[in-house]
């Protein structure tokens, strides 16, 4: 969370902003991040910064896999990434691992 805050602070500084009003992040289900823990960390690390009191939004990104046999994307039903069409297992994960800052509102 500190790295994300530092990125946000650098962006705000580059815009000559004095306040960060809102941050939005995308967090994949496979990222290993617990959204509640991230929200708690946000409240702690922003204290005393221009982001203190900012709205913090997390967009959950589901796991999406690609089946090379069917050439289709699918959302697996469990931890086994089995194509629902041909039942082949696939290691091709298209999304769900990301942790990224996607937007920032400053003034």
Foldseek 3Di string as FASTA:
>chain_A
DLVQVVVQVVVCVVVVFQAWAEWEKEAFQQQPDDVVVVVVVQQVNCPPGRDHPHHYYYHYDAWWFADPVVRDIDGDPDPFQADPPPRDTDPGTDDRNDIDTDDIDTD
